[in-house]
Amino acid sequence: MLPGSSAVMTFDKVDYDISVALFDAAGELHGVARAPCPVRRFGRARC
């Protein structure tokens, strides 16, 4: 790297909790579901 420059590097593992609900046209609830969704991310950027 050049003097005076910087960089950012991240290693993340995030678990999102995804939830959905299904309604018909009259607004009646027909079902719900929930599932964990693990997301791994690797990022690198120069500033």
PDB file of N, CA and C in Angstrom:
ATOM      1  N   MET A   1       0.837  -1.186   0.000  1.00  0.00           N
ATOM      2  CA  MET A   1       0.000   0.000   0.000  1.00  0.00           C
ATOM      3  C   MET A   1       0.878   1.244   0.000  1.00  0.00           C
ATOM      4  N   LEU A   2       0.362   2.284  -0.541  1.00  0.00           N
ATOM      5  CA  LEU A   2       1.076   3.548  -0.593  1.00  0.00           C
ATOM      6  C   LEU A   2       0.962   4.284   0.737  1.00  0.00           C
ATOM      7  N   PRO A   3       1.954   5.061   1.107  1.00  0.00           N
ATOM      8  CA  PRO A   3       1.850   5.856   2.331  1.00  0.00           C
ATOM      9  C   PRO A   3       0.638   6.787   2.271  1.00  0.00           C
ATOM     10  N   GLY A   4      -0.088   6.896   3.364  1.00  0.00           N
ATOM     11  CA  GLY A   4      -1.260   7.754   3.418  1.00  0.00           C
ATOM     12  C   GLY A   4      -2.540   7.094   2.925  1.00  0.00           C
ATOM     13  N   SER A   5      -2.470   5.855   2.444  1.00  0.00           N
ATOM     14  CA  SER A   5      -3.689   5.172   2.001  1.00  0.00           C
ATOM     15  C   SER A   5      -4.119   4.194   3.089  1.00  0.00           C
ATOM     16  N   SER A   6      -5.327   3.731   3.006  1.00  0.00           N
ATOM     17  CA  SER A   6      -5.833   2.786   4.001  1.00  0.00           C
ATOM     18  C   SER A   6      -6.708   1.752   3.313  1.00  0.00           C
ATOM     19  N   ALA A   7      -6.981   0.686   4.025  1.00  0.00           N
ATOM     20  CA  ALA A   7      -7.831  -0.378   3.494  1.00  0.00           C
ATOM     21  C   ALA A   7      -8.681  -0.937   4.628  1.00  0.00           C
ATOM     22  N   VAL A   8      -9.811  -1.498   4.265  1.00  0.00           N
ATOM     23  CA  VAL A   8     -10.716  -2.119   5.222  1.00  0.00           C
ATOM     24  C   VAL A   8     -10.992  -3.534   4.740  1.00  0.00           C
ATOM     25  N   MET A   9     -10.878  -4.503   5.642  1.00  0.00           N
ATOM     26  CA  MET A   9     -11.187  -5.884   5.296  1.00  0.00           C
ATOM     27  C   MET A   9     -12.119  -6.431   6.370  1.00  0.00           C
ATOM     28  N   THR A  10     -13.200  -7.066   5.973  1.00  0.00           N
ATOM     29  CA  THR A  10     -14.141  -7.615   6.944  1.00  0.00           C
ATOM     30  C   THR A  10     -14.406  -9.078   6.653  1.00  0.00           C
ATOM     31  N   PHE A  11     -14.574  -9.838   7.694  1.00  0.00           N
ATOM     32  CA  PHE A  11     -14.993 -11.226   7.618  1.00  0.00           C
ATOM     33  C   PHE A  11     -16.196 -11.335   8.543  1.00  0.00           C
ATOM     34  N   ASP A  12     -17.355 -11.524   8.016  1.00  0.00           N
ATOM     35  CA  ASP A  12     -18.575 -11.526   8.822  1.00  0.00           C
ATOM     36  C   ASP A  12     -19.337 -12.818   8.615  1.00  0.00           C
ATOM     37  N   LYS A  13     -19.998 -13.257   9.649  1.00  0.00           N
ATOM     38  CA  LYS A  13     -20.983 -14.334   9.546  1.00  0.00           C
ATOM     39  C   LYS A  13     -22.210 -13.826  10.278  1.00  0.00           C
ATOM     40  N   VAL A  14     -23.292 -13.617   9.549  1.00  0.00           N
ATOM     41  CA  VAL A  14     -24.516 -13.067  10.112  1.00  0.00           C
ATOM     42  C   VAL A  14     -25.636 -14.084   9.921  1.00  0.00           C
ATOM     43  N   ASP A  15     -26.404 -14.318  10.966  1.00  0.00           N
ATOM     44  CA  ASP A  15     -27.575 -15.192  10.881  1.00  0.00           C
ATOM     45  C   ASP A  15     -28.825 -14.327  10.863  1.00  0.00           C
ATOM     46  N   TYR A  16     -29.499 -14.276   9.723  1.00  0.00           N
ATOM     47  CA  TYR A  16     -30.753 -13.538   9.604  1.00  0.00           C
ATOM     48  C   TYR A  16     -31.908 -14.473   9.933  1.00  0.00           C
ATOM     49  N   ASP A  17     -32.914 -13.961  10.607  1.00  0.00           N
ATOM     50  CA  ASP A  17     -34.117 -14.718  10.915  1.00  0.00           C
ATOM     51  C   ASP A  17     -35.196 -14.232   9.945  1.00  0.00           C
ATOM     52  N   ILE A  18     -35.560 -15.062   8.967  1.00  0.00           N
ATOM     53  CA  ILE A  18     -36.510 -14.695   7.924  1.00  0.00           C
ATOM     54  C   ILE A  18     -37.896 -15.202   8.317  1.00  0.00           C
ATOM     55  N   SER A  19     -38.881 -14.291   8.302  1.00  0.00           N
ATOM     56  CA  SER A  19     -40.259 -14.654   8.639  1.00  0.00           C
ATOM     57  C   SER A  19     -41.197 -14.173   7.539  1.00  0.00           C
ATOM     58  N   VAL A  20     -42.218 -14.968   7.247  1.00  0.00           N
ATOM     59  CA  VAL A  20     -43.234 -14.587   6.252  1.00  0.00           C
ATOM     60  C   VAL A  20     -44.617 -14.944   6.771  1.00  0.00           C
ATOM     61  N   ALA A  21     -45.618 -14.226   6.269  1.00  0.00           N
ATOM     62  CA  ALA A  21     -47.018 -14.520   6.573  1.00  0.00           C
ATOM     63  C   ALA A  21     -47.789 -14.461   5.251  1.00  0.00           C
ATOM     64  N   LEU A  22     -48.723 -15.380   5.058  1.00  0.00           N
ATOM     65  CA  LEU A  22     -49.501 -15.469   3.826  1.00  0.00           C
ATOM     66  C   LEU A  22     -50.956 -15.097   4.101  1.00  0.00           C
ATOM     67  N   PHE A  23     -51.427 -14.040   3.431  1.00  0.00           N
ATOM     68  CA  PHE A  23     -52.804 -13.573   3.561  1.00  0.00           C
ATOM     69  C   PHE A  23     -53.510 -13.679   2.225  1.00  0.00           C
ATOM     70  N   ASP A  24     -54.838 -13.905   2.243  1.00  0.00           N
ATOM     71  CA  ASP A  24     -55.605 -13.889   1.002  1.00  0.00           C
ATOM     72  C   ASP A  24     -56.114 -12.472   0.738  1.00  0.00           C
ATOM     73  N   ALA A  25     -56.878 -12.295  -0.339  1.00  0.00           N
ATOM     74  CA  ALA A  25     -57.371 -10.967  -0.729  1.00  0.00           C
ATOM     75  C   ALA A  25     -58.298 -10.360   0.325  1.00  0.00           C
ATOM     76  N   ALA A  26     -58.968 -11.186   1.114  1.00  0.00           N
ATOM     77  CA  ALA A  26     -59.867 -10.695   2.164  1.00  0.00           C
ATOM     78  C   ALA A  26     -59.115 -10.363   3.453  1.00  0.00           C
ATOM     79  N   GLY A  27     -57.816 -10.621   3.481  1.00  0.00           N
ATOM     80  CA  GLY A  27     -57.027 -10.315   4.659  1.00  0.00           C
ATOM     81  C   GLY A  27     -56.945 -11.423   5.683  1.00  0.00           C
ATOM     82  N   GLU A  28     -57.428 -12.631   5.327  1.00  0.00           N
ATOM     83  CA  GLU A  28     -57.363 -13.746   6.265  1.00  0.00           C
ATOM     84  C   GLU A  28     -55.988 -14.399   6.214  1.00  0.00           C
ATOM     85  N   LEU A  29     -55.489 -14.716   7.384  1.00  0.00           N
ATOM     86  CA  LEU A  29     -54.182 -15.337   7.505  1.00  0.00           C
ATOM     87  C   LEU A  29     -54.286 -16.818   7.151  1.00  0.00           C
ATOM     88  N   HIS A  30     -53.416 -17.279   6.224  1.00  0.00           N
ATOM     89  CA  HIS A  30     -53.429 -18.684   5.812  1.00  0.00           C
ATOM     90  C   HIS A  30     -52.204 -19.454   6.269  1.00  0.00           C
ATOM     91  N   GLY A  31     -51.168 -18.770   6.687  1.00  0.00           N
ATOM     92  CA  GLY A  31     -50.003 -19.495   7.179  1.00  0.00           C
ATOM     93  C   GLY A  31     -48.847 -18.567   7.497  1.00  0.00           C
ATOM     94  N   VAL A  32     -47.947 -19.088   8.300  1.00  0.00           N
ATOM     95  CA  VAL A  32     -46.727 -18.361   8.642  1.00  0.00           C
ATOM     96  C   VAL A  32     -45.555 -19.328   8.561  1.00  0.00           C
ATOM     97  N   ALA A  33     -44.375 -18.785   8.355  1.00  0.00           N
ATOM     98  CA  ALA A  33     -43.164 -19.601   8.319  1.00  0.00           C
ATOM     99  C   ALA A  33     -41.995 -18.762   8.827  1.00  0.00           C
ATOM    100  N   ARG A  34     -41.023 -19.456   9.381  1.00  0.00           N
ATOM    101  CA  ARG A  34     -39.821 -18.798   9.890  1.00  0.00           C
ATOM    102  C   ARG A  34     -38.642 -19.727   9.655  1.00  0.00           C
ATOM    103  N   ALA A  35     -37.516 -19.154   9.252  1.00  0.00           N
ATOM    104  CA  ALA A  35     -36.325 -19.964   9.015  1.00  0.00           C
ATOM    105  C   ALA A  35     -35.074 -19.124   9.245  1.00  0.00           C
ATOM    106  N   PRO A  36     -34.054 -19.730   9.843  1.00  0.00           N
ATOM    107  CA  PRO A  36     -32.771 -19.031   9.960  1.00  0.00           C
ATOM    108  C   PRO A  36     -32.039 -19.079   8.620  1.00  0.00           C
ATOM    109  N   CYS A  37     -31.352 -18.031   8.300  1.00  0.00           N
ATOM    110  CA  CYS A  37     -30.631 -17.956   7.028  1.00  0.00           C
ATOM    111  C   CYS A  37     -29.216 -17.440   7.299  1.00  0.00           C
ATOM    112  N   PRO A  38     -28.239 -18.347   7.437  1.00  0.00           N
ATOM    113  CA  PRO A  38     -26.868 -17.903   7.683  1.00  0.00           C
ATOM    114  C   PRO A  38     -26.254 -17.310   6.415  1.00  0.00           C
ATOM    115  N   VAL A  39     -25.599 -16.167   6.571  1.00  0.00           N
ATOM    116  CA  VAL A  39     -24.970 -15.489   5.435  1.00  0.00           C
ATOM    117  C   VAL A  39     -23.521 -15.214   5.800  1.00  0.00           C
ATOM    118  N   ARG A  40     -22.621 -15.670   4.952  1.00  0.00           N
ATOM    119  CA  ARG A  40     -21.203 -15.387   5.154  1.00  0.00           C
ATOM    120  C   ARG A  40     -20.777 -14.347   4.141  1.00  0.00           C
ATOM    121  N   ARG A  41     -19.988 -13.381   4.586  1.00  0.00           N
ATOM    122  CA  ARG A  41     -19.573 -12.302   3.692  1.00  0.00           C
ATOM    123  C   ARG A  41     -18.095 -12.034   3.894  1.00  0.00           C
ATOM    124  N   PHE A  42     -17.432 -11.804   2.811  1.00  0.00           N
ATOM    125  CA  PHE A  42     -16.028 -11.395   2.843  1.00  0.00           C
ATOM    126  C   PHE A  42     -15.936 -10.133   2.017  1.00  0.00           C
ATOM    127  N   GLY A  43     -15.382  -9.100   2.581  1.00  0.00           N
ATOM    128  CA  GLY A  43     -15.287  -7.845   1.839  1.00  0.00           C
ATOM    129  C   GLY A  43     -13.920  -7.203   1.990  1.00  0.00           C
ATOM    130  N   ARG A  44     -13.526  -6.492   0.958  1.00  0.00           N
ATOM    131  CA  ARG A  44     -12.262  -5.773   1.006  1.00  0.00           C
ATOM    132  C   ARG A  44     -12.431  -4.485   0.227  1.00  0.00           C
ATOM    133  N   ALA A  45     -12.002  -3.397   0.791  1.00  0.00           N
ATOM    134  CA  ALA A  45     -12.143  -2.110   0.119  1.00  0.00           C
ATOM    135  C   ALA A  45     -10.937  -1.247   0.422  1.00  0.00           C
ATOM    136  N   ARG A  46     -10.598  -0.404  -0.510  1.00  0.00           N
ATOM    137  CA  ARG A  46      -9.537   0.577  -0.283  1.00  0.00           C
ATOM    138  C   ARG A  46     -10.167   1.931  -0.084  1.00  0.00           C
ATOM    139  N   CYS A  47      -9.656   2.658   0.863  1.00  0.00           N
ATOM    140  CA  CYS A  47     -10.195   3.985   1.163  1.00  0.00           C
ATOM    141  C   CYS A  47      -9.237   5.049   0.685  1.00  0.00           C
TER     142      CYS A  47
END
